[in-house]
Amino acid sequence: MEATLSATLRRDQSLAEQQAELVAKIRARPDSLPLRVHLAQLSMLTGNWSRAVAQLQTAATLSAAAIPMAQMYREAIRCELQREKIFAGEAPPQTIGEPDAWFATLSQSLASRGKDDALADELMHQAFEAAPTTPFVLDDTPLEWLADADSRLGPVCEIILKGQYYWLPFDHIQLLELDAPADLRDLVWLPGRLTLRNGGQHVVLVPSRYPRSYGQADERLALASLTAWQAIGEDAYAGLGQRCWVSDVDEHPLLAARRLERAGDAGEAVAGE
């Protein structure tokens, strides 16, 4: 059922053309599990969430072995829809445990974005200044600090944990291990393993792309092979395409990251986690 990226993605066709071709093949072979899974993953890339869910549900009826995967990615799609509402300012982000005061300020900044950008910028800077600076080691490279390059996120890392979407402060991370992309769905959500500072260990999905990276003129954004930036305020930028972290050392494309580990004070607990 699993297939490599190189085997499942046609570079000589648009994503829409590939989906149309798959739909025709499925009409001829409706019981083909690989075709159903492939169409589900292409639909994830293009933001056709209803089609992706339908194909996952069908895959689960065709093979019991597909049920865990179908359940995981139905939950991921539900989280992605919630994520889009949050970035549209229609719902507040949630975190794990009791949020720090700066987290609420960052959330208010996002809610103000597009309505009062000057206020959003002011709140963003307040949150960034108040958030703790945490040293990490990223793939053997020591970093004095790390943040998401998207100004809406900054000191928080997006994760999906137990079917829920969270903004997790980088300061709460002890260790985050990310898999290398192996399938098309990994270009939407990358599987990983998270250890919190209190020692709690979790299997997670980490969004590979910034919200609504699909439907853009350049399909490299949907494929998470490019990052583009849009000015959204005074020295504030929103990303499209592959997510990118930034540190005192460099920019760090998410899909190239494998191991992010907190430097020092291992085992120190964070209250409320």
C-alpha atoms as a PDB file:
ATOM      1  CA  MET A   1       0.000   0.000   0.000  1.00  0.00           C
ATOM      2  CA  GLU A   2       2.821   2.395   0.794  1.00  0.00           C
ATOM      3  CA  ALA A   3       4.713   3.954  -2.080  1.00  0.00           C
ATOM      4  CA  THR A   4       7.686   6.231  -2.322  1.00  0.00           C
ATOM      5  CA  LEU A   5       7.372   9.868  -3.277  1.00  0.00           C
ATOM      6  CA  SER A   6       9.241   9.331  -6.512  1.00  0.00           C
ATOM      7  CA  ALA A   7       6.945   6.528  -7.562  1.00  0.00           C
ATOM      8  CA  THR A   8       3.670   8.304  -6.771  1.00  0.00           C
ATOM      9  CA  LEU A   9       4.220  11.883  -7.957  1.00  0.00           C
ATOM     10  CA  ARG A  10       4.249  12.733 -11.658  1.00  0.00           C
ATOM     11  CA  ARG A  11       6.406  15.746 -12.409  1.00  0.00           C
ATOM     12  CA  ASP A  12       5.083  15.991 -15.984  1.00  0.00           C
ATOM     13  CA  GLN A  13       1.461  16.486 -14.885  1.00  0.00           C
ATOM     14  CA  SER A  14      -0.318  18.984 -12.680  1.00  0.00           C
ATOM     15  CA  LEU A  15      -1.868  17.730  -9.469  1.00  0.00           C
ATOM     16  CA  ALA A  16      -5.328  18.232 -10.987  1.00  0.00           C
ATOM     17  CA  GLU A  17      -4.378  16.151 -14.023  1.00  0.00           C
ATOM     18  CA  GLN A  18      -3.022  13.386 -11.820  1.00  0.00           C
ATOM     19  CA  GLN A  19      -6.217  13.337  -9.787  1.00  0.00           C
ATOM     20  CA  ALA A  20      -8.392  13.184 -12.910  1.00  0.00           C
ATOM     21  CA  GLU A  21      -6.328  10.276 -14.219  1.00  0.00           C
ATOM     22  CA  LEU A  22      -6.663   8.441 -10.903  1.00  0.00           C
ATOM     23  CA  VAL A  23     -10.427   8.962 -10.807  1.00  0.00           C
ATOM     24  CA  ALA A  24     -10.675   7.326 -14.235  1.00  0.00           C
ATOM     25  CA  LYS A  25      -8.562   4.386 -13.071  1.00  0.00           C
ATOM     26  CA  ILE A  26     -10.684   3.958  -9.946  1.00  0.00           C
ATOM     27  CA  ARG A  27     -13.846   3.835 -12.030  1.00  0.00           C
ATOM     28  CA  ALA A  28     -12.317   0.875 -13.833  1.00  0.00           C
ATOM     29  CA  ARG A  29     -10.901  -0.696 -10.637  1.00  0.00           C
ATOM     30  CA  PRO A  30     -13.068   0.487  -7.711  1.00  0.00           C
ATOM     31  CA  ASP A  31     -11.667  -2.165  -5.351  1.00  0.00           C
ATOM     32  CA  SER A  32      -8.036  -1.103  -5.810  1.00  0.00           C
ATOM     33  CA  LEU A  33      -6.680  -0.111  -2.407  1.00  0.00           C
ATOM     34  CA  PRO A  34      -3.443   1.469  -3.741  1.00  0.00           C
ATOM     35  CA  LEU A  35      -5.412   3.693  -6.125  1.00  0.00           C
ATOM     36  CA  ARG A  36      -7.759   4.806  -3.341  1.00  0.00           C
ATOM     37  CA  VAL A  37      -4.867   5.644  -1.011  1.00  0.00           C
ATOM     38  CA  HIS A  38      -3.018   7.477  -3.770  1.00  0.00           C
ATOM     39  CA  LEU A  39      -6.076   9.597  -4.591  1.00  0.00           C
ATOM     40  CA  ALA A  40      -6.582  10.330  -0.897  1.00  0.00           C
ATOM     41  CA  GLN A  41      -3.022  11.614  -0.632  1.00  0.00           C
ATOM     42  CA  LEU A  42      -3.220  13.729  -3.782  1.00  0.00           C
ATOM     43  CA  SER A  43      -6.447  15.185  -2.411  1.00  0.00           C
ATOM     44  CA  MET A  44      -4.641  16.072   0.817  1.00  0.00           C
ATOM     45  CA  LEU A  45      -1.998  17.930  -1.179  1.00  0.00           C
ATOM     46  CA  THR A  46      -4.624  19.942  -3.056  1.00  0.00           C
ATOM     47  CA  GLY A  47      -6.809  20.664  -0.035  1.00  0.00           C
ATOM     48  CA  ASN A  48      -9.719  18.612  -1.335  1.00  0.00           C
ATOM     49  CA  TRP A  49     -10.481  17.459   2.180  1.00  0.00           C
ATOM     50  CA  SER A  50     -13.900  15.925   1.519  1.00  0.00           C
ATOM     51  CA  ARG A  51     -12.541  13.745  -1.279  1.00  0.00           C
ATOM     52  CA  ALA A  52      -9.570  12.724   0.865  1.00  0.00           C
ATOM     53  CA  VAL A  53     -11.883  11.662   3.706  1.00  0.00           C
ATOM     54  CA  ALA A  54     -14.128   9.737   1.319  1.00  0.00           C
ATOM     55  CA  GLN A  55     -11.172   7.844  -0.140  1.00  0.00           C
ATOM     56  CA  LEU A  56      -9.807   7.066   3.328  1.00  0.00           C
ATOM     57  CA  GLN A  57     -13.170   5.711   4.410  1.00  0.00           C
ATOM     58  CA  THR A  58     -13.362   3.516   1.316  1.00  0.00           C
ATOM     59  CA  ALA A  59      -9.795   2.303   1.875  1.00  0.00           C
ATOM     60  CA  ALA A  60     -10.736   1.271   5.415  1.00  0.00           C
ATOM     61  CA  THR A  61     -13.650  -0.805   4.096  1.00  0.00           C
ATOM     62  CA  LEU A  62     -11.420  -2.490   1.509  1.00  0.00           C
ATOM     63  CA  SER A  63      -8.749  -3.592   3.993  1.00  0.00           C
ATOM     64  CA  ALA A  64      -8.664  -3.823   7.773  1.00  0.00           C
ATOM     65  CA  ALA A  65      -4.947  -3.032   7.549  1.00  0.00           C
ATOM     66  CA  ALA A  66      -5.846   0.438   6.261  1.00  0.00           C
ATOM     67  CA  ILE A  67      -8.089   1.295   9.221  1.00  0.00           C
ATOM     68  CA  PRO A  68      -5.392   2.813  11.520  1.00  0.00           C
ATOM     69  CA  MET A  69      -3.995   4.950   8.703  1.00  0.00           C
ATOM     70  CA  ALA A  70      -7.485   6.061   7.664  1.00  0.00           C
ATOM     71  CA  GLN A  71      -8.389   7.023  11.217  1.00  0.00           C
ATOM     72  CA  MET A  72      -5.139   8.919  11.787  1.00  0.00           C
ATOM     73  CA  TYR A  73      -5.478  11.014   8.657  1.00  0.00           C
ATOM     74  CA  ARG A  74      -9.199  11.661   9.031  1.00  0.00           C
ATOM     75  CA  GLU A  75      -8.258  13.186  12.381  1.00  0.00           C
ATOM     76  CA  ALA A  76      -5.405  15.104  10.740  1.00  0.00           C
ATOM     77  CA  ILE A  77      -7.810  16.548   8.177  1.00  0.00           C
ATOM     78  CA  ARG A  78     -10.223  17.591  10.924  1.00  0.00           C
ATOM     79  CA  CYS A  79      -7.295  19.289  12.683  1.00  0.00           C
ATOM     80  CA  GLU A  80      -6.252  20.997   9.456  1.00  0.00           C
ATOM     81  CA  LEU A  81      -9.731  22.473   9.063  1.00  0.00           C
ATOM     82  CA  GLN A  82      -9.537  23.743  12.641  1.00  0.00           C
ATOM     83  CA  ARG A  83      -6.067  25.105  11.896  1.00  0.00           C
ATOM     84  CA  GLU A  84      -7.430  27.087   8.955  1.00  0.00           C
ATOM     85  CA  LYS A  85     -10.102  28.612  11.201  1.00  0.00           C
ATOM     86  CA  ILE A  86      -7.460  29.595  13.746  1.00  0.00           C
ATOM     87  CA  PHE A  87      -5.270  31.303  11.171  1.00  0.00           C
ATOM     88  CA  ALA A  88      -8.342  33.085   9.809  1.00  0.00           C
ATOM     89  CA  GLY A  89      -8.903  34.528  13.285  1.00  0.00           C
ATOM     90  CA  GLU A  90     -12.135  32.568  13.758  1.00  0.00           C
ATOM     91  CA  ALA A  91     -10.985  30.443  16.713  1.00  0.00           C
ATOM     92  CA  PRO A  92      -8.213  30.666  19.337  1.00  0.00           C
ATOM     93  CA  PRO A  93      -5.292  28.225  19.322  1.00  0.00           C
ATOM     94  CA  GLN A  94      -5.005  25.690  22.128  1.00  0.00           C
ATOM     95  CA  THR A  95      -1.885  24.553  23.939  1.00  0.00           C
ATOM     96  CA  ILE A  96      -0.941  21.720  26.289  1.00  0.00           C
ATOM     97  CA  GLY A  97      -1.270  22.597  29.945  1.00  0.00           C
ATOM     98  CA  GLU A  98      -1.729  26.083  31.366  1.00  0.00           C
ATOM     99  CA  PRO A  99      -0.637  28.728  28.826  1.00  0.00           C
ATOM    100  CA  ASP A 100       1.829  31.443  29.758  1.00  0.00           C
ATOM    101  CA  ALA A 101       0.689  35.057  29.507  1.00  0.00           C
ATOM    102  CA  TRP A 102       2.680  35.623  26.324  1.00  0.00           C
ATOM    103  CA  PHE A 103       0.788  32.775  24.639  1.00  0.00           C
ATOM    104  CA  ALA A 104      -2.490  34.657  25.068  1.00  0.00           C
ATOM    105  CA  THR A 105      -0.830  37.773  23.665  1.00  0.00           C
ATOM    106  CA  LEU A 106       0.357  35.852  20.602  1.00  0.00           C
ATOM    107  CA  SER A 107      -3.150  34.448  20.137  1.00  0.00           C
ATOM    108  CA  GLN A 108      -4.618  37.959  20.351  1.00  0.00           C
ATOM    109  CA  SER A 109      -2.095  39.124  17.760  1.00  0.00           C
ATOM    110  CA  LEU A 110      -3.302  36.502  15.305  1.00  0.00           C
ATOM    111  CA  ALA A 111      -6.964  37.357  15.977  1.00  0.00           C
ATOM    112  CA  SER A 112      -6.201  41.029  15.271  1.00  0.00           C
ATOM    113  CA  ARG A 113      -4.294  40.345  12.064  1.00  0.00           C
ATOM    114  CA  GLY A 114      -6.125  41.719   9.026  1.00  0.00           C
ATOM    115  CA  LYS A 115      -8.405  43.838  11.212  1.00  0.00           C
ATOM    116  CA  ASP A 116      -5.904  46.064  13.005  1.00  0.00           C
ATOM    117  CA  ASP A 117      -2.414  45.207  11.768  1.00  0.00           C
ATOM    118  CA  ALA A 118      -0.754  47.873  13.920  1.00  0.00           C
ATOM    119  CA  LEU A 119      -2.242  46.280  17.037  1.00  0.00           C
ATOM    120  CA  ALA A 120      -1.356  42.816  15.738  1.00  0.00           C
ATOM    121  CA  ASP A 121       2.256  43.918  15.256  1.00  0.00           C
ATOM    122  CA  GLU A 122       2.416  45.427  18.746  1.00  0.00           C
ATOM    123  CA  LEU A 123       1.006  42.284  20.356  1.00  0.00           C
ATOM    124  CA  MET A 124       3.323  40.092  18.276  1.00  0.00           C
ATOM    125  CA  HIS A 125       6.397  41.985  19.477  1.00  0.00           C
ATOM    126  CA  GLN A 126       5.178  41.834  23.083  1.00  0.00           C
ATOM    127  CA  ALA A 127       4.736  38.065  22.831  1.00  0.00           C
ATOM    128  CA  PHE A 128       8.112  37.546  21.163  1.00  0.00           C
ATOM    129  CA  GLU A 129       9.885  39.593  23.845  1.00  0.00           C
ATOM    130  CA  ALA A 130       8.139  37.750  26.689  1.00  0.00           C
ATOM    131  CA  ALA A 131       8.579  34.216  25.326  1.00  0.00           C
ATOM    132  CA  PRO A 132      11.585  32.356  26.767  1.00  0.00           C
ATOM    133  CA  THR A 133      14.705  31.950  24.666  1.00  0.00           C
ATOM    134  CA  THR A 134      15.550  28.256  24.585  1.00  0.00           C
ATOM    135  CA  PRO A 135      18.817  26.724  23.313  1.00  0.00           C
ATOM    136  CA  PHE A 136      18.512  23.608  21.164  1.00  0.00           C
ATOM    137  CA  VAL A 137      20.641  21.218  19.155  1.00  0.00           C
ATOM    138  CA  LEU A 138      19.165  20.662  15.702  1.00  0.00           C
ATOM    139  CA  ASP A 139      20.773  17.747  13.866  1.00  0.00           C
ATOM    140  CA  ASP A 140      24.105  18.283  15.673  1.00  0.00           C
ATOM    141  CA  THR A 141      24.005  22.072  15.188  1.00  0.00           C
ATOM    142  CA  PRO A 142      23.881  24.052  18.470  1.00  0.00           C
ATOM    143  CA  LEU A 143      21.361  26.903  18.442  1.00  0.00           C
ATOM    144  CA  GLU A 144      20.996  29.698  20.968  1.00  0.00           C
ATOM    145  CA  TRP A 145      17.328  30.088  20.049  1.00  0.00           C
ATOM    146  CA  LEU A 146      14.780  28.694  17.602  1.00  0.00           C
ATOM    147  CA  ALA A 147      11.468  29.990  16.273  1.00  0.00           C
ATOM    148  CA  ASP A 148       9.083  29.477  13.406  1.00  0.00           C
ATOM    149  CA  ALA A 149       9.960  31.925  10.641  1.00  0.00           C
ATOM    150  CA  ASP A 150       6.266  32.762  10.223  1.00  0.00           C
ATOM    151  CA  SER A 151       5.510  35.840  12.331  1.00  0.00           C
ATOM    152  CA  ARG A 152       2.122  34.443  13.334  1.00  0.00           C
ATOM    153  CA  LEU A 153       3.850  31.547  15.108  1.00  0.00           C
ATOM    154  CA  GLY A 154       7.326  32.570  16.238  1.00  0.00           C
ATOM    155  CA  PRO A 155       7.964  30.853  19.604  1.00  0.00           C
ATOM    156  CA  VAL A 156       5.432  28.032  19.103  1.00  0.00           C
ATOM    157  CA  CYS A 157       5.624  24.729  17.244  1.00  0.00           C
ATOM    158  CA  GLU A 158       2.485  23.368  15.586  1.00  0.00           C
ATOM    159  CA  ILE A 159       1.659  19.752  16.404  1.00  0.00           C
ATOM    160  CA  ILE A 160      -1.216  17.306  16.124  1.00  0.00           C
ATOM    161  CA  LEU A 161      -1.396  15.061  19.179  1.00  0.00           C
ATOM    162  CA  LYS A 162      -4.122  12.505  19.928  1.00  0.00           C
ATOM    163  CA  GLY A 163      -6.357  13.960  17.259  1.00  0.00           C
ATOM    164  CA  GLN A 164      -6.052  17.572  18.477  1.00  0.00           C
ATOM    165  CA  TYR A 165      -4.213  20.546  16.977  1.00  0.00           C
ATOM    166  CA  TYR A 166      -1.970  22.494  19.358  1.00  0.00           C
ATOM    167  CA  TRP A 167       0.433  25.382  19.480  1.00  0.00           C
ATOM    168  CA  LEU A 168       3.249  24.038  21.665  1.00  0.00           C
ATOM    169  CA  PRO A 169       5.836  26.518  22.969  1.00  0.00           C
ATOM    170  CA  PHE A 170       9.299  25.482  21.825  1.00  0.00           C
ATOM    171  CA  ASP A 171      10.329  25.932  25.453  1.00  0.00           C
ATOM    172  CA  HIS A 172       8.191  22.903  26.386  1.00  0.00           C
ATOM    173  CA  ILE A 173      10.054  20.568  24.024  1.00  0.00           C
ATOM    174  CA  GLN A 174      12.761  18.254  25.319  1.00  0.00           C
ATOM    175  CA  LEU A 175      13.110  16.206  22.120  1.00  0.00           C
ATOM    176  CA  LEU A 176      11.321  16.177  18.776  1.00  0.00           C
ATOM    177  CA  GLU A 177      12.274  13.501  16.248  1.00  0.00           C
ATOM    178  CA  LEU A 178      10.872  13.805  12.732  1.00  0.00           C
ATOM    179  CA  ASP A 179      10.720  11.120  10.050  1.00  0.00           C
ATOM    180  CA  ALA A 180      12.126  11.688   6.587  1.00  0.00           C
ATOM    181  CA  PRO A 181       9.310  12.271   4.060  1.00  0.00           C
ATOM    182  CA  ALA A 182       8.468   8.918   2.479  1.00  0.00           C
ATOM    183  CA  ASP A 183       4.941   9.369   1.162  1.00  0.00           C
ATOM    184  CA  LEU A 184       2.815  12.133  -0.314  1.00  0.00           C
ATOM    185  CA  ARG A 185       0.904  12.653   2.926  1.00  0.00           C
ATOM    186  CA  ASP A 186       4.214  13.455   4.635  1.00  0.00           C
ATOM    187  CA  LEU A 187       4.307  16.629   2.540  1.00  0.00           C
ATOM    188  CA  VAL A 188       1.191  17.704   4.452  1.00  0.00           C
ATOM    189  CA  TRP A 189       1.877  16.283   7.933  1.00  0.00           C
ATOM    190  CA  LEU A 190       5.207  14.822   8.975  1.00  0.00           C
ATOM    191  CA  PRO A 191       5.153  11.961  11.515  1.00  0.00           C
ATOM    192  CA  GLY A 192       7.287  12.390  14.597  1.00  0.00           C
ATOM    193  CA  ARG A 193       7.880  11.538  18.227  1.00  0.00           C
ATOM    194  CA  LEU A 194       7.729  14.209  20.896  1.00  0.00           C
ATOM    195  CA  THR A 195       9.209  14.171  24.390  1.00  0.00           C
ATOM    196  CA  LEU A 196       8.014  16.996  26.609  1.00  0.00           C
ATOM    197  CA  ARG A 197      10.149  18.522  29.333  1.00  0.00           C
ATOM    198  CA  ASN A 198       8.191  16.603  31.969  1.00  0.00           C
ATOM    199  CA  GLY A 199       9.192  13.346  30.258  1.00  0.00           C
ATOM    200  CA  GLY A 200       5.847  12.666  28.575  1.00  0.00           C
ATOM    201  CA  GLN A 201       6.314  10.918  25.232  1.00  0.00           C
ATOM    202  CA  HIS A 202       3.857  11.152  22.349  1.00  0.00           C
ATOM    203  CA  VAL A 203       3.468  10.203  18.711  1.00  0.00           C
ATOM    204  CA  VAL A 204       2.660  13.378  16.788  1.00  0.00           C
ATOM    205  CA  LEU A 205       2.058  14.778  13.348  1.00  0.00           C
ATOM    206  CA  VAL A 206       3.706  18.094  12.513  1.00  0.00           C
ATOM    207  CA  PRO A 207       2.176  20.205   9.710  1.00  0.00           C
ATOM    208  CA  SER A 208       4.681  20.307   6.858  1.00  0.00           C
ATOM    209  CA  ARG A 209       3.158  23.340   5.144  1.00  0.00           C
ATOM    210  CA  TYR A 210       1.786  26.684   6.189  1.00  0.00           C
ATOM    211  CA  PRO A 211      -2.029  26.943   6.104  1.00  0.00           C
ATOM    212  CA  ARG A 212      -3.754  27.107   2.712  1.00  0.00           C
ATOM    213  CA  SER A 213      -0.607  26.388   0.726  1.00  0.00           C
ATOM    214  CA  TYR A 214      -2.765  24.564  -1.814  1.00  0.00           C
ATOM    215  CA  GLY A 215      -4.573  26.236  -4.719  1.00  0.00           C
ATOM    216  CA  GLN A 216      -1.645  28.575  -5.424  1.00  0.00           C
ATOM    217  CA  ALA A 217      -0.300  29.311  -8.900  1.00  0.00           C
ATOM    218  CA  ASP A 218       3.002  27.618  -8.061  1.00  0.00           C
ATOM    219  CA  GLU A 219       2.302  23.981  -7.157  1.00  0.00           C
ATOM    220  CA  ARG A 220       5.675  23.717  -5.452  1.00  0.00           C
ATOM    221  CA  LEU A 221       3.974  25.420  -2.509  1.00  0.00           C
ATOM    222  CA  ALA A 222       1.388  22.630  -2.269  1.00  0.00           C
ATOM    223  CA  LEU A 223       4.190  20.074  -2.601  1.00  0.00           C
ATOM    224  CA  ALA A 224       6.158  21.688   0.244  1.00  0.00           C
ATOM    225  CA  SER A 225       9.173  22.062  -2.026  1.00  0.00           C
ATOM    226  CA  LEU A 226       9.176  25.870  -1.829  1.00  0.00           C
ATOM    227  CA  THR A 227       8.528  28.519   0.815  1.00  0.00           C
ATOM    228  CA  ALA A 228       7.140  31.931  -0.117  1.00  0.00           C
ATOM    229  CA  TRP A 229       6.581  34.907   2.165  1.00  0.00           C
ATOM    230  CA  GLN A 230       3.846  37.534   2.224  1.00  0.00           C
ATOM    231  CA  ALA A 231       4.146  40.779   4.188  1.00  0.00           C
ATOM    232  CA  ILE A 232       1.277  41.020   6.676  1.00  0.00           C
ATOM    233  CA  GLY A 233       2.445  43.975   8.745  1.00  0.00           C
ATOM    234  CA  GLU A 234       5.444  45.990   9.828  1.00  0.00           C
ATOM    235  CA  ASP A 235       8.294  43.467   9.745  1.00  0.00           C
ATOM    236  CA  ALA A 236       5.745  40.625   9.905  1.00  0.00           C
ATOM    237  CA  TYR A 237       5.491  37.830   7.353  1.00  0.00           C
ATOM    238  CA  ALA A 238       3.205  34.877   6.694  1.00  0.00           C
ATOM    239  CA  GLY A 239       4.462  31.778   4.930  1.00  0.00           C
ATOM    240  CA  LEU A 240       3.129  29.589   2.160  1.00  0.00           C
ATOM    241  CA  GLY A 241       4.553  26.207   1.255  1.00  0.00           C
ATOM    242  CA  GLN A 242       7.082  24.318   3.342  1.00  0.00           C
ATOM    243  CA  ARG A 243       7.331  25.461   6.932  1.00  0.00           C
ATOM    244  CA  CYS A 244      10.646  26.934   7.986  1.00  0.00           C
ATOM    245  CA  TRP A 245      12.267  27.429  11.354  1.00  0.00           C
ATOM    246  CA  VAL A 246      14.780  30.194  11.983  1.00  0.00           C
ATOM    247  CA  SER A 247      17.570  30.442  14.543  1.00  0.00           C
ATOM    248  CA  ASP A 248      20.619  32.497  15.402  1.00  0.00           C
ATOM    249  CA  VAL A 249      22.517  30.243  12.959  1.00  0.00           C
ATOM    250  CA  ASP A 250      20.349  29.959   9.830  1.00  0.00           C
ATOM    251  CA  GLU A 251      16.967  29.123   8.368  1.00  0.00           C
ATOM    252  CA  HIS A 252      15.929  25.470   8.719  1.00  0.00           C
ATOM    253  CA  PRO A 253      13.378  23.957   6.282  1.00  0.00           C
ATOM    254  CA  LEU A 254      11.152  21.632   8.282  1.00  0.00           C
ATOM    255  CA  LEU A 255      11.345  18.638   5.953  1.00  0.00           C
ATOM    256  CA  ALA A 256      15.139  18.567   6.319  1.00  0.00           C
ATOM    257  CA  ALA A 257      14.992  18.502  10.132  1.00  0.00           C
ATOM    258  CA  ARG A 258      15.319  15.147  11.877  1.00  0.00           C
ATOM    259  CA  ARG A 259      16.187  15.690  15.537  1.00  0.00           C
ATOM    260  CA  LEU A 260      15.555  18.739  17.699  1.00  0.00           C
ATOM    261  CA  GLU A 261      16.812  18.378  21.274  1.00  0.00           C
ATOM    262  CA  ARG A 262      16.834  20.839  24.095  1.00  0.00           C
ATOM    263  CA  ALA A 263      20.327  21.835  25.176  1.00  0.00           C
ATOM    264  CA  GLY A 264      20.855  21.651  28.934  1.00  0.00           C
ATOM    265  CA  ASP A 265      18.521  21.342  31.930  1.00  0.00           C
ATOM    266  CA  ALA A 266      17.241  17.957  30.762  1.00  0.00           C
ATOM    267  CA  GLY A 267      14.511  16.558  32.929  1.00  0.00           C
ATOM    268  CA  GLU A 268      13.306  19.912  34.253  1.00  0.00           C
ATOM    269  CA  ALA A 269       9.534  19.762  34.319  1.00  0.00           C
ATOM    270  CA  VAL A 270       7.111  22.321  32.987  1.00  0.00           C
ATOM    271  CA  ALA A 271       4.158  22.804  35.284  1.00  0.00           C
ATOM    272  CA  GLY A 272       0.823  21.839  33.823  1.00  0.00           C
ATOM    273  CA  GLU A 273       2.032  19.474  31.104  1.00  0.00           C
END
